[in-house]
Amino acid sequence: MTSISPVTQLVAAIRSQLDRAAPARRRRPGAAAASRQAAEGLTSLIELRVAHIAEDDPQRGRKAFRVFLEAVLLAHFGTKVANDARFHQMLDDIQQAMESDPASGQLVEQAIAHLLARQS
């Protein structure tokens, strides 16, 4: 039996919230395969960026989670928002809310451990 990682759980929770907030989108042929391929690329990008965070950085865990959160949101909204200051404020607000909420905070901590363990 395969376990679902906290990262996967958080991605699902974030996407669920984003889907509720956004109008329904139509699926196009091949969308499932493209989505899997995009997820693999997203995972590689997250791992690469987390690997560049200094091992002795006391904020390494928070920074790793921010990399993860930013990548998920950019995958949803598109990379064109990356240079918008409002996007980064939204990212700050979401990260703070997730870390402050007891249920989400526990998943965040587990996701951080998972993200950093993949770097070992």
C-alpha atoms as a PDB file:
ATOM      1  CA  MET A   1       0.000   0.000   0.000  1.00  0.00           C
ATOM      2  CA  THR A   2       1.403   3.403  -0.968  1.00  0.00           C
ATOM      3  CA  SER A   3       1.187   6.279   1.453  1.00  0.00           C
ATOM      4  CA  ILE A   4       0.228   9.752   0.342  1.00  0.00           C
ATOM      5  CA  SER A   5       2.902  12.264   1.229  1.00  0.00           C
ATOM      6  CA  PRO A   6       2.030  15.456   3.090  1.00  0.00           C
ATOM      7  CA  VAL A   7       3.211  17.364   0.019  1.00  0.00           C
ATOM      8  CA  THR A   8       0.661  15.545  -2.138  1.00  0.00           C
ATOM      9  CA  GLN A   9      -2.038  16.197   0.453  1.00  0.00           C
ATOM     10  CA  LEU A  10      -1.195  19.902   0.521  1.00  0.00           C
ATOM     11  CA  VAL A  11      -1.167  20.153  -3.279  1.00  0.00           C
ATOM     12  CA  ALA A  12      -4.601  18.518  -3.358  1.00  0.00           C
ATOM     13  CA  ALA A  13      -5.927  20.847  -0.646  1.00  0.00           C
ATOM     14  CA  ILE A  14      -4.550  23.958  -2.346  1.00  0.00           C
ATOM     15  CA  ARG A  15      -5.853  22.924  -5.760  1.00  0.00           C
ATOM     16  CA  SER A  16      -9.254  22.150  -4.255  1.00  0.00           C
ATOM     17  CA  GLN A  17      -9.452  25.630  -2.752  1.00  0.00           C
ATOM     18  CA  LEU A  18      -8.303  27.239  -5.997  1.00  0.00           C
ATOM     19  CA  ASP A  19     -10.810  25.223  -8.030  1.00  0.00           C
ATOM     20  CA  ARG A  20     -13.630  26.320  -5.737  1.00  0.00           C
ATOM     21  CA  ALA A  21     -12.623  29.950  -6.175  1.00  0.00           C
ATOM     22  CA  ALA A  22     -12.227  29.736  -9.966  1.00  0.00           C
ATOM     23  CA  PRO A  23     -14.876  29.078 -12.612  1.00  0.00           C
ATOM     24  CA  ALA A  24     -15.087  25.520 -13.931  1.00  0.00           C
ATOM     25  CA  ARG A  25     -12.594  24.747 -16.661  1.00  0.00           C
ATOM     26  CA  ARG A  26     -13.197  22.393 -19.536  1.00  0.00           C
ATOM     27  CA  ARG A  27     -10.887  19.423 -19.910  1.00  0.00           C
ATOM     28  CA  ARG A  28      -9.277  19.067 -23.289  1.00  0.00           C
ATOM     29  CA  PRO A  29      -8.106  15.791 -24.837  1.00  0.00           C
ATOM     30  CA  GLY A  30      -4.757  14.747 -23.393  1.00  0.00           C
ATOM     31  CA  ALA A  31      -5.190  17.017 -20.369  1.00  0.00           C
ATOM     32  CA  ALA A  32      -4.541  14.188 -17.880  1.00  0.00           C
ATOM     33  CA  ALA A  33      -1.212  13.284 -19.497  1.00  0.00           C
ATOM     34  CA  ALA A  34      -0.218  16.945 -19.723  1.00  0.00           C
ATOM     35  CA  SER A  35      -1.168  17.405 -16.071  1.00  0.00           C
ATOM     36  CA  ARG A  36       1.020  14.441 -15.006  1.00  0.00           C
ATOM     37  CA  GLN A  37       3.914  15.788 -17.055  1.00  0.00           C
ATOM     38  CA  ALA A  38       3.478  19.257 -15.552  1.00  0.00           C
ATOM     39  CA  ALA A  39       3.393  17.753 -12.040  1.00  0.00           C
ATOM     40  CA  GLU A  40       6.672  15.929 -12.701  1.00  0.00           C
ATOM     41  CA  GLY A  41       8.254  19.147 -13.954  1.00  0.00           C
ATOM     42  CA  LEU A  42       6.913  21.001 -10.933  1.00  0.00           C
ATOM     43  CA  THR A  43       8.391  18.403  -8.582  1.00  0.00           C
ATOM     44  CA  SER A  44      11.793  18.686 -10.286  1.00  0.00           C
ATOM     45  CA  LEU A  45      11.710  22.479 -10.079  1.00  0.00           C
ATOM     46  CA  ILE A  46      10.798  22.408  -6.380  1.00  0.00           C
ATOM     47  CA  GLU A  47      13.570  19.913  -5.604  1.00  0.00           C
ATOM     48  CA  LEU A  48      16.122  21.987  -7.518  1.00  0.00           C
ATOM     49  CA  ARG A  49      15.164  25.222  -5.770  1.00  0.00           C
ATOM     50  CA  VAL A  50      15.080  23.609  -2.314  1.00  0.00           C
ATOM     51  CA  ALA A  51      18.544  22.154  -2.944  1.00  0.00           C
ATOM     52  CA  HIS A  52      19.860  25.709  -3.345  1.00  0.00           C
ATOM     53  CA  ILE A  53      18.787  26.737   0.164  1.00  0.00           C
ATOM     54  CA  ALA A  54      21.811  26.670   2.460  1.00  0.00           C
ATOM     55  CA  GLU A  55      21.814  23.639   4.754  1.00  0.00           C
ATOM     56  CA  ASP A  56      22.698  25.813   7.756  1.00  0.00           C
ATOM     57  CA  ASP A  57      19.999  28.420   7.070  1.00  0.00           C
ATOM     58  CA  PRO A  58      17.797  28.610  10.195  1.00  0.00           C
ATOM     59  CA  GLN A  59      14.810  29.455   7.960  1.00  0.00           C
ATOM     60  CA  ARG A  60      15.469  26.566   5.585  1.00  0.00           C
ATOM     61  CA  GLY A  61      12.193  24.787   6.349  1.00  0.00           C
ATOM     62  CA  ARG A  62      10.045  27.897   5.869  1.00  0.00           C
ATOM     63  CA  LYS A  63      11.922  28.766   2.680  1.00  0.00           C
ATOM     64  CA  ALA A  64      11.477  25.235   1.336  1.00  0.00           C
ATOM     65  CA  PHE A  65       7.749  25.409   2.010  1.00  0.00           C
ATOM     66  CA  ARG A  66       7.566  28.812   0.340  1.00  0.00           C
ATOM     67  CA  VAL A  67       9.290  27.398  -2.750  1.00  0.00           C
ATOM     68  CA  PHE A  68       6.717  24.613  -2.802  1.00  0.00           C
ATOM     69  CA  LEU A  69       3.756  26.954  -2.273  1.00  0.00           C
ATOM     70  CA  GLU A  70       4.987  29.432  -4.875  1.00  0.00           C
ATOM     71  CA  ALA A  71       5.451  26.670  -7.454  1.00  0.00           C
ATOM     72  CA  VAL A  72       1.936  25.301  -6.885  1.00  0.00           C
ATOM     73  CA  LEU A  73       0.361  28.753  -7.170  1.00  0.00           C
ATOM     74  CA  LEU A  74       2.375  29.669 -10.265  1.00  0.00           C
ATOM     75  CA  ALA A  75       1.344  26.384 -11.865  1.00  0.00           C
ATOM     76  CA  HIS A  76      -2.275  27.351 -11.208  1.00  0.00           C
ATOM     77  CA  PHE A  77      -2.193  31.076 -12.074  1.00  0.00           C
ATOM     78  CA  GLY A  78       0.573  31.030 -14.686  1.00  0.00           C
ATOM     79  CA  THR A  79       4.101  32.340 -14.445  1.00  0.00           C
ATOM     80  CA  LYS A  80       3.109  35.790 -15.666  1.00  0.00           C
ATOM     81  CA  VAL A  81       2.056  36.722 -12.109  1.00  0.00           C
ATOM     82  CA  ALA A  82       5.527  35.986 -10.699  1.00  0.00           C
ATOM     83  CA  ASN A  83       6.628  39.615 -11.038  1.00  0.00           C
ATOM     84  CA  ASP A  84       3.462  41.077  -9.518  1.00  0.00           C
ATOM     85  CA  ALA A  85       3.965  42.401  -5.976  1.00  0.00           C
ATOM     86  CA  ARG A  86       0.359  41.430  -5.168  1.00  0.00           C
ATOM     87  CA  PHE A  87       1.207  37.799  -5.938  1.00  0.00           C
ATOM     88  CA  HIS A  88       4.036  37.851  -3.415  1.00  0.00           C
ATOM     89  CA  GLN A  89       1.803  39.499  -0.795  1.00  0.00           C
ATOM     90  CA  MET A  90      -0.827  36.816  -1.436  1.00  0.00           C
ATOM     91  CA  LEU A  91       1.901  34.180  -1.081  1.00  0.00           C
ATOM     92  CA  ASP A  92       2.953  35.683   2.285  1.00  0.00           C
ATOM     93  CA  ASP A  93      -0.673  35.733   3.467  1.00  0.00           C
ATOM     94  CA  ILE A  94      -1.360  32.148   2.407  1.00  0.00           C
ATOM     95  CA  GLN A  95       1.826  30.815   3.974  1.00  0.00           C
ATOM     96  CA  GLN A  96       1.123  32.619   7.248  1.00  0.00           C
ATOM     97  CA  ALA A  97      -2.484  31.389   7.317  1.00  0.00           C
ATOM     98  CA  MET A  98      -1.449  27.800   6.624  1.00  0.00           C
ATOM     99  CA  GLU A  99       1.277  27.851   9.273  1.00  0.00           C
ATOM    100  CA  SER A 100      -1.098  29.405  11.838  1.00  0.00           C
ATOM    101  CA  ASP A 101      -3.946  26.952  11.323  1.00  0.00           C
ATOM    102  CA  PRO A 102      -3.493  23.863  13.543  1.00  0.00           C
ATOM    103  CA  ALA A 103      -4.621  21.324  10.911  1.00  0.00           C
ATOM    104  CA  SER A 104      -2.779  22.945   8.014  1.00  0.00           C
ATOM    105  CA  GLY A 105       0.214  23.741  10.193  1.00  0.00           C
ATOM    106  CA  GLN A 106       0.729  20.070  10.944  1.00  0.00           C
ATOM    107  CA  LEU A 107       0.650  19.232   7.225  1.00  0.00           C
ATOM    108  CA  VAL A 108       3.039  22.119   6.542  1.00  0.00           C
ATOM    109  CA  GLU A 109       5.515  20.731   9.090  1.00  0.00           C
ATOM    110  CA  GLN A 110       5.221  17.251   7.582  1.00  0.00           C
ATOM    111  CA  ALA A 111       5.647  18.684   4.073  1.00  0.00           C
ATOM    112  CA  ILE A 112       8.757  20.576   5.174  1.00  0.00           C
ATOM    113  CA  ALA A 113      10.231  17.389   6.620  1.00  0.00           C
ATOM    114  CA  HIS A 114       9.412  15.573   3.384  1.00  0.00           C
ATOM    115  CA  LEU A 115      10.891  18.334   1.190  1.00  0.00           C
ATOM    116  CA  LEU A 116      14.094  18.464   3.204  1.00  0.00           C
ATOM    117  CA  ALA A 117      14.407  14.675   3.481  1.00  0.00           C
ATOM    118  CA  ARG A 118      14.426  14.423  -0.319  1.00  0.00           C
ATOM    119  CA  GLN A 119      17.570  16.593  -0.271  1.00  0.00           C
ATOM    120  CA  SER A 120      19.528  14.265   2.022  1.00  0.00           C
END
